[in-house]
């Protein structure tokens, strides 16, 4: 259980960081927020993939969804 949560956090951090790199400019969020954005992007990517393709979304779809979340956060906080 602890190992699973560790890997969820690590993958969330990586996916969130890649999502932040996809959006130009400065984003006002720290490491914890980046991890949460990555986890949310992974969940949203899974739902979108399931809805569109009848299979879970993959890595690229998770990064695209997290980039969308970063875009919304950046626009709302400015």
Protein backbone atom coordinates (compact mmCIF):
# COMPACT_ATOMS: atom_id res chain seq x y z
CA UNK A 1 0.00 0.00 0.00
CA UNK A 2 2.76 2.44 0.91
CA UNK A 3 4.67 1.52 -2.25
CA UNK A 4 1.59 2.17 -4.37
CA UNK A 5 1.06 5.62 -2.84
CA UNK A 6 4.74 6.42 -3.35
CA UNK A 7 4.52 5.58 -7.05
CA UNK A 8 1.29 7.54 -7.44
CA UNK A 9 3.05 10.59 -5.97
CA UNK A 10 6.15 10.13 -8.14
CA UNK A 11 4.16 9.66 -11.33
CA UNK A 12 1.99 12.65 -10.40
CA UNK A 13 5.09 14.77 -9.94
CA UNK A 14 6.53 13.72 -13.31
CA UNK A 15 3.27 14.16 -15.21
CA UNK A 16 2.56 17.48 -13.49
CA UNK A 17 6.06 18.75 -14.26
CA UNK A 18 5.70 17.81 -17.92
CA UNK A 19 2.29 19.48 -17.97
CA UNK A 20 3.85 22.64 -16.56
CA UNK A 21 6.61 22.54 -19.17
CA UNK A 22 4.00 22.40 -21.94
CA UNK A 23 2.52 25.75 -20.88
CA UNK A 24 4.81 28.75 -21.52
CA UNK A 25 5.39 31.32 -18.83
CA UNK A 26 5.63 31.20 -15.09
CA UNK A 27 3.13 29.18 -13.05
CA UNK A 28 2.54 30.14 -9.41
CA UNK A 29 2.58 26.65 -7.89
CA UNK A 30 4.93 24.59 -5.80
CA UNK A 31 5.97 20.97 -5.76
CA UNK A 32 2.88 19.71 -3.92
CA UNK A 33 0.53 21.53 -6.28
CA UNK A 34 2.46 20.16 -9.27
CA UNK A 35 2.02 16.63 -7.90
CA UNK A 36 -1.71 17.17 -7.36
CA UNK A 37 -2.07 18.57 -10.88
CA UNK A 38 -0.28 15.50 -12.25
CA UNK A 39 -2.50 13.11 -10.32
CA UNK A 40 -5.59 15.02 -11.47
CA UNK A 41 -4.34 15.02 -15.06
CA UNK A 42 -3.81 11.27 -14.89
CA UNK A 43 -7.32 10.70 -13.59
CA UNK A 44 -8.85 13.05 -16.16
CA UNK A 45 -6.79 11.47 -18.95
CA UNK A 46 -8.05 8.05 -17.91
CA UNK A 47 -11.65 9.22 -18.01
CA UNK A 48 -11.25 10.95 -21.37
CA UNK A 49 -9.51 7.93 -22.86
CA UNK A 50 -12.25 5.64 -21.59
CA UNK A 51 -14.97 7.92 -22.98
CA UNK A 52 -13.37 8.43 -26.41
CA UNK A 53 -11.49 5.20 -27.09
CA UNK A 54 -13.10 2.63 -24.76
CA UNK A 55 -9.74 2.11 -23.04
CA UNK A 56 -7.85 4.03 -20.38
CA UNK A 57 -5.83 6.99 -21.49
CA UNK A 58 -2.06 6.72 -21.63
CA UNK A 59 0.89 8.82 -20.62
CA UNK A 60 0.54 11.42 -23.37
CA UNK A 61 -3.15 11.98 -22.66
CA UNK A 62 -2.36 12.37 -18.95
CA UNK A 63 0.29 15.01 -19.72
CA UNK A 64 -2.10 16.85 -22.05
CA UNK A 65 -4.83 16.87 -19.41
CA UNK A 66 -2.43 18.10 -16.74
CA UNK A 67 -1.28 20.85 -19.13
CA UNK A 68 -4.93 21.84 -19.48
CA UNK A 69 -5.30 21.98 -15.71
CA UNK A 70 -2.14 24.10 -15.44
CA UNK A 71 -3.52 26.42 -18.15
CA UNK A 72 -6.78 26.89 -16.24
CA UNK A 73 -4.97 27.48 -12.94
CA UNK A 74 -2.65 30.03 -14.57
CA UNK A 75 -5.56 31.92 -16.14
CA UNK A 76 -7.63 31.95 -12.96
CA UNK A 77 -4.82 33.17 -10.69
CA UNK A 78 -3.81 36.08 -12.95
